[in-house]
Amino acid sequence: MSAAGLDLILDAPAADLPAAVAVMHRAFAEYARTGTPSGAMLETAPSLLAEREDGVRVALARRDGTVVAMVKHQDAADGSRYFGRLAVDPGQRGRGVARALIEALRDDALRAGRSGLTCLVRADEHRAIAFYQALGMVVEGSGERVSRTGATIRVVEMADPRARTV
């Protein structure tokens, strides 16, 4: 599928996982400056490949053949499609890439009979929360999660209630 000059692939082949990890690392490197590095920095192409056994898929956005964004997603037990690790190459931000990828995931989830999208967001990531709210998602709860780095991080739980009413 294509949107905003992008090629969107909702289930990336194994050969694309190294490029997806490279984008993820570039996008999540900024957390090192906060003192709480992201567990995304510990992910590798083999670790993404291993997650497939648990139903995790990787969606990609390509522009001119180059991977510029990625997001992990999987069907959750509550009937939603959970997504995480949305990563847009820093040089591609502000160009509609994340929006196109999330809207494609939402459309695919609804076509598959899922109830909508859900995600967790760091509670101090106000821009990310506002972005998801602009896409119709709402904060449904909050809590703490332990990152792959071992750090405890405050998070908010977000969901797409419009899709849940379908």
C-alpha atoms as a PDB file:
ATOM      1  CA  MET A   1       0.000   0.000   0.000  1.00  0.00           C
ATOM      2  CA  SER A   2       1.116   3.572  -0.538  1.00  0.00           C
ATOM      3  CA  ALA A   3       0.378   6.833   1.270  1.00  0.00           C
ATOM      4  CA  ALA A   4       2.035  10.243   1.312  1.00  0.00           C
ATOM      5  CA  GLY A   5       4.678   9.062  -1.173  1.00  0.00           C
ATOM      6  CA  LEU A   6       5.459   6.095   1.059  1.00  0.00           C
ATOM      7  CA  ASP A   7       5.392   2.372   0.541  1.00  0.00           C
ATOM      8  CA  LEU A   8       3.891   0.741   3.635  1.00  0.00           C
ATOM      9  CA  ILE A   9       4.589  -2.891   4.463  1.00  0.00           C
ATOM     10  CA  LEU A  10       2.672  -4.247   7.443  1.00  0.00           C
ATOM     11  CA  ASP A  11       4.584  -7.519   7.753  1.00  0.00           C
ATOM     12  CA  ALA A  12       8.202  -6.917   6.840  1.00  0.00           C
ATOM     13  CA  PRO A  13      10.280  -9.812   5.559  1.00  0.00           C
ATOM     14  CA  ALA A  14      13.291 -10.926   7.592  1.00  0.00           C
ATOM     15  CA  ALA A  15      15.661  -9.309   5.081  1.00  0.00           C
ATOM     16  CA  ASP A  16      14.300  -5.863   6.077  1.00  0.00           C
ATOM     17  CA  LEU A  17      14.775  -6.288   9.832  1.00  0.00           C
ATOM     18  CA  PRO A  18      18.358  -4.925   9.946  1.00  0.00           C
ATOM     19  CA  ALA A  19      17.163  -1.684   8.289  1.00  0.00           C
ATOM     20  CA  ALA A  20      14.214  -1.531  10.711  1.00  0.00           C
ATOM     21  CA  VAL A  21      16.563  -1.894  13.696  1.00  0.00           C
ATOM     22  CA  ALA A  22      18.859   0.825  12.324  1.00  0.00           C
ATOM     23  CA  VAL A  23      15.917   3.246  12.098  1.00  0.00           C
ATOM     24  CA  MET A  24      14.770   2.244  15.587  1.00  0.00           C
ATOM     25  CA  HIS A  25      18.213   2.902  17.043  1.00  0.00           C
ATOM     26  CA  ARG A  26      18.511   6.308  15.350  1.00  0.00           C
ATOM     27  CA  ALA A  27      15.045   7.304  16.548  1.00  0.00           C
ATOM     28  CA  PHE A  28      15.419   6.087  20.133  1.00  0.00           C
ATOM     29  CA  ALA A  29      18.994   7.326  20.655  1.00  0.00           C
ATOM     30  CA  GLU A  30      17.569  10.593  22.023  1.00  0.00           C
ATOM     31  CA  TYR A  31      16.527   8.834  25.242  1.00  0.00           C
ATOM     32  CA  ALA A  32      20.182   8.395  26.206  1.00  0.00           C
ATOM     33  CA  ARG A  33      20.245  12.134  26.897  1.00  0.00           C
ATOM     34  CA  THR A  34      17.379  11.830  29.394  1.00  0.00           C
ATOM     35  CA  GLY A  35      19.266   9.496  31.696  1.00  0.00           C
ATOM     36  CA  THR A  36      16.761   6.697  30.993  1.00  0.00           C
ATOM     37  CA  PRO A  37      17.879   5.009  27.787  1.00  0.00           C
ATOM     38  CA  SER A  38      15.273   3.117  25.822  1.00  0.00           C
ATOM     39  CA  GLY A  39      15.190  -0.649  25.743  1.00  0.00           C
ATOM     40  CA  ALA A  40      14.868  -0.215  21.982  1.00  0.00           C
ATOM     41  CA  MET A  41      18.628   0.198  21.895  1.00  0.00           C
ATOM     42  CA  LEU A  42      18.983  -3.439  22.979  1.00  0.00           C
ATOM     43  CA  GLU A  43      16.901  -4.786  20.113  1.00  0.00           C
ATOM     44  CA  THR A  44      18.535  -6.479  17.139  1.00  0.00           C
ATOM     45  CA  ALA A  45      17.400  -8.045  13.892  1.00  0.00           C
ATOM     46  CA  PRO A  46      17.691 -11.516  15.473  1.00  0.00           C
ATOM     47  CA  SER A  47      15.642 -10.413  18.498  1.00  0.00           C
ATOM     48  CA  LEU A  48      12.903  -9.075  16.196  1.00  0.00           C
ATOM     49  CA  LEU A  49      12.997 -12.308  14.240  1.00  0.00           C
ATOM     50  CA  ALA A  50      12.621 -14.290  17.482  1.00  0.00           C
ATOM     51  CA  GLU A  51       9.610 -12.172  18.521  1.00  0.00           C
ATOM     52  CA  ARG A  52       7.776 -13.376  15.424  1.00  0.00           C
ATOM     53  CA  GLU A  53       7.273 -16.687  17.220  1.00  0.00           C
ATOM     54  CA  ASP A  54       5.066 -14.770  19.691  1.00  0.00           C
ATOM     55  CA  GLY A  55       3.050 -13.118  16.923  1.00  0.00           C
ATOM     56  CA  VAL A  56       4.950  -9.816  16.749  1.00  0.00           C
ATOM     57  CA  ARG A  57       5.089  -8.287  13.284  1.00  0.00           C
ATOM     58  CA  VAL A  58       7.149  -5.350  12.060  1.00  0.00           C
ATOM     59  CA  ALA A  59       5.589  -2.736   9.810  1.00  0.00           C
ATOM     60  CA  LEU A  60       7.785  -0.476   7.691  1.00  0.00           C
ATOM     61  CA  ALA A  61       7.485   2.735   5.759  1.00  0.00           C
ATOM     62  CA  ARG A  62       9.802   3.201   2.805  1.00  0.00           C
ATOM     63  CA  ARG A  63      10.480   6.340   0.856  1.00  0.00           C
ATOM     64  CA  ASP A  64      12.336   5.910  -2.431  1.00  0.00           C
ATOM     65  CA  GLY A  65      13.219   2.358  -1.413  1.00  0.00           C
ATOM     66  CA  THR A  66      14.777   3.336   1.927  1.00  0.00           C
ATOM     67  CA  VAL A  67      13.255   2.299   5.269  1.00  0.00           C
ATOM     68  CA  VAL A  68      12.342   5.545   7.060  1.00  0.00           C
ATOM     69  CA  ALA A  69      10.074   4.223   9.835  1.00  0.00           C
ATOM     70  CA  MET A  70       9.094   1.055  11.631  1.00  0.00           C
ATOM     71  CA  VAL A  71       6.664  -0.106  14.289  1.00  0.00           C
ATOM     72  CA  LYS A  72       6.151  -3.425  16.045  1.00  0.00           C
ATOM     73  CA  HIS A  73       2.578  -4.721  16.348  1.00  0.00           C
ATOM     74  CA  GLN A  74       0.624  -7.765  17.367  1.00  0.00           C
ATOM     75  CA  ASP A  75      -2.899  -8.878  18.058  1.00  0.00           C
ATOM     76  CA  ALA A  76      -3.612  -8.645  21.790  1.00  0.00           C
ATOM     77  CA  ALA A  77      -5.757 -10.925  23.936  1.00  0.00           C
ATOM     78  CA  ASP A  78      -8.249  -8.082  24.554  1.00  0.00           C
ATOM     79  CA  GLY A  79      -9.164  -8.003  20.853  1.00  0.00           C
ATOM     80  CA  SER A  80      -7.107  -4.917  20.017  1.00  0.00           C
ATOM     81  CA  ARG A  81      -3.999  -4.579  17.900  1.00  0.00           C
ATOM     82  CA  TYR A  82      -1.165  -3.452  20.197  1.00  0.00           C
ATOM     83  CA  PHE A  83       1.700  -1.454  18.719  1.00  0.00           C
ATOM     84  CA  GLY A  84       4.977  -0.228  20.126  1.00  0.00           C
ATOM     85  CA  ARG A  85       8.425   1.025  19.234  1.00  0.00           C
ATOM     86  CA  LEU A  86       7.097   3.431  16.616  1.00  0.00           C
ATOM     87  CA  ALA A  87      10.303   4.869  15.207  1.00  0.00           C
ATOM     88  CA  VAL A  88      10.713   7.462  12.485  1.00  0.00           C
ATOM     89  CA  ASP A  89      14.153   8.340  11.220  1.00  0.00           C
ATOM     90  CA  PRO A  90      14.915  11.787  12.708  1.00  0.00           C
ATOM     91  CA  GLY A  91      15.459  13.270   9.227  1.00  0.00           C
ATOM     92  CA  GLN A  92      11.970  12.139   8.158  1.00  0.00           C
ATOM     93  CA  ARG A  93       9.974  13.514  11.082  1.00  0.00           C
ATOM     94  CA  GLY A  94       7.201  15.998  10.438  1.00  0.00           C
ATOM     95  CA  ARG A  95       6.439  14.567   6.992  1.00  0.00           C
ATOM     96  CA  GLY A  96       3.393  12.420   7.802  1.00  0.00           C
ATOM     97  CA  VAL A  97       5.284   9.133   8.014  1.00  0.00           C
ATOM     98  CA  ALA A  98       4.131   8.135  11.515  1.00  0.00           C
ATOM     99  CA  ARG A  99       0.548   9.133  10.753  1.00  0.00           C
ATOM    100  CA  ALA A 100       0.489   7.055   7.558  1.00  0.00           C
ATOM    101  CA  LEU A 101       1.937   4.026   9.337  1.00  0.00           C
ATOM    102  CA  ILE A 102      -0.487   4.202  12.302  1.00  0.00           C
ATOM    103  CA  GLU A 103      -3.497   4.790  10.036  1.00  0.00           C
ATOM    104  CA  ALA A 104      -2.483   1.773   7.940  1.00  0.00           C
ATOM    105  CA  LEU A 105      -2.209  -0.332  11.103  1.00  0.00           C
ATOM    106  CA  ARG A 106      -5.634   0.865  12.246  1.00  0.00           C
ATOM    107  CA  ASP A 107      -7.213   0.069   8.885  1.00  0.00           C
ATOM    108  CA  ASP A 108      -5.597  -3.363   8.815  1.00  0.00           C
ATOM    109  CA  ALA A 109      -6.684  -4.084  12.400  1.00  0.00           C
ATOM    110  CA  LEU A 110     -10.289  -3.195  11.635  1.00  0.00           C
ATOM    111  CA  ARG A 111     -10.301  -5.266   8.434  1.00  0.00           C
ATOM    112  CA  ALA A 112      -8.994  -8.186  10.508  1.00  0.00           C
ATOM    113  CA  GLY A 113     -11.856  -7.792  12.980  1.00  0.00           C
ATOM    114  CA  ARG A 114      -9.734  -6.298  15.753  1.00  0.00           C
ATOM    115  CA  SER A 115     -11.344  -3.736  18.066  1.00  0.00           C
ATOM    116  CA  GLY A 116      -8.809  -0.954  17.431  1.00  0.00           C
ATOM    117  CA  LEU A 117      -5.308   0.093  18.364  1.00  0.00           C
ATOM    118  CA  THR A 118      -3.655   0.225  21.780  1.00  0.00           C
ATOM    119  CA  CYS A 119      -0.201   1.283  22.905  1.00  0.00           C
ATOM    120  CA  LEU A 120       1.898   2.328  25.874  1.00  0.00           C
ATOM    121  CA  VAL A 121       3.691   5.686  25.842  1.00  0.00           C
ATOM    122  CA  ARG A 122       6.214   7.114  28.276  1.00  0.00           C
ATOM    123  CA  ALA A 123       4.194   9.471  30.478  1.00  0.00           C
ATOM    124  CA  ASP A 124       6.697  12.292  29.984  1.00  0.00           C
ATOM    125  CA  GLU A 125       6.449  12.068  26.174  1.00  0.00           C
ATOM    126  CA  HIS A 126       3.824  14.786  25.845  1.00  0.00           C
ATOM    127  CA  ARG A 127       4.362  15.227  22.094  1.00  0.00           C
ATOM    128  CA  ALA A 128       3.833  11.527  21.429  1.00  0.00           C
ATOM    129  CA  ILE A 129       0.700  11.498  23.593  1.00  0.00           C
ATOM    130  CA  ALA A 130      -0.648  14.551  21.768  1.00  0.00           C
ATOM    131  CA  PHE A 131       0.152  12.912  18.413  1.00  0.00           C
ATOM    132  CA  TYR A 132      -1.841   9.791  19.287  1.00  0.00           C
ATOM    133  CA  GLN A 133      -4.677  11.934  20.631  1.00  0.00           C
ATOM    134  CA  ALA A 134      -4.754  13.789  17.306  1.00  0.00           C
ATOM    135  CA  LEU A 135      -5.280  10.365  15.700  1.00  0.00           C
ATOM    136  CA  GLY A 136      -8.304   9.782  17.944  1.00  0.00           C
ATOM    137  CA  MET A 137      -6.681   7.767  20.704  1.00  0.00           C
ATOM    138  CA  VAL A 138      -7.317   8.535  24.373  1.00  0.00           C
ATOM    139  CA  VAL A 139      -5.438   7.910  27.603  1.00  0.00           C
ATOM    140  CA  GLU A 140      -7.194   5.061  29.372  1.00  0.00           C
ATOM    141  CA  GLY A 141      -4.833   4.486  32.266  1.00  0.00           C
ATOM    142  CA  SER A 142      -1.360   4.869  33.640  1.00  0.00           C
ATOM    143  CA  GLY A 143       1.215   2.827  35.454  1.00  0.00           C
ATOM    144  CA  GLU A 144       4.811   1.757  35.434  1.00  0.00           C
ATOM    145  CA  ARG A 145       6.690  -0.734  33.298  1.00  0.00           C
ATOM    146  CA  VAL A 146      10.180  -2.137  33.616  1.00  0.00           C
ATOM    147  CA  SER A 147      12.202  -1.485  30.469  1.00  0.00           C
ATOM    148  CA  ARG A 148      14.554  -4.013  28.898  1.00  0.00           C
ATOM    149  CA  THR A 149      17.277  -1.850  30.445  1.00  0.00           C
ATOM    150  CA  GLY A 150      15.895  -2.579  33.917  1.00  0.00           C
ATOM    151  CA  ALA A 151      14.685   0.997  34.456  1.00  0.00           C
ATOM    152  CA  THR A 152      11.180   1.590  35.794  1.00  0.00           C
ATOM    153  CA  ILE A 153       9.343   3.963  33.476  1.00  0.00           C
ATOM    154  CA  ARG A 154       6.028   5.762  34.001  1.00  0.00           C
ATOM    155  CA  VAL A 155       3.679   5.055  31.093  1.00  0.00           C
ATOM    156  CA  VAL A 156       0.192   5.868  29.927  1.00  0.00           C
ATOM    157  CA  GLU A 157      -2.066   3.334  28.250  1.00  0.00           C
ATOM    158  CA  MET A 158      -3.706   4.651  25.102  1.00  0.00           C
ATOM    159  CA  ALA A 159      -6.502   3.198  23.007  1.00  0.00           C
ATOM    160  CA  ASP A 160      -8.593   4.060  19.993  1.00  0.00           C
ATOM    161  CA  PRO A 161     -12.171   4.193  21.333  1.00  0.00           C
ATOM    162  CA  ARG A 162     -13.664   5.093  17.937  1.00  0.00           C
ATOM    163  CA  ALA A 163     -12.486   1.771  16.591  1.00  0.00           C
ATOM    164  CA  ARG A 164     -13.728  -0.073  19.667  1.00  0.00           C
ATOM    165  CA  THR A 165     -17.295   0.968  18.869  1.00  0.00           C
ATOM    166  CA  VAL A 166     -17.148  -0.633  15.404  1.00  0.00           C
END
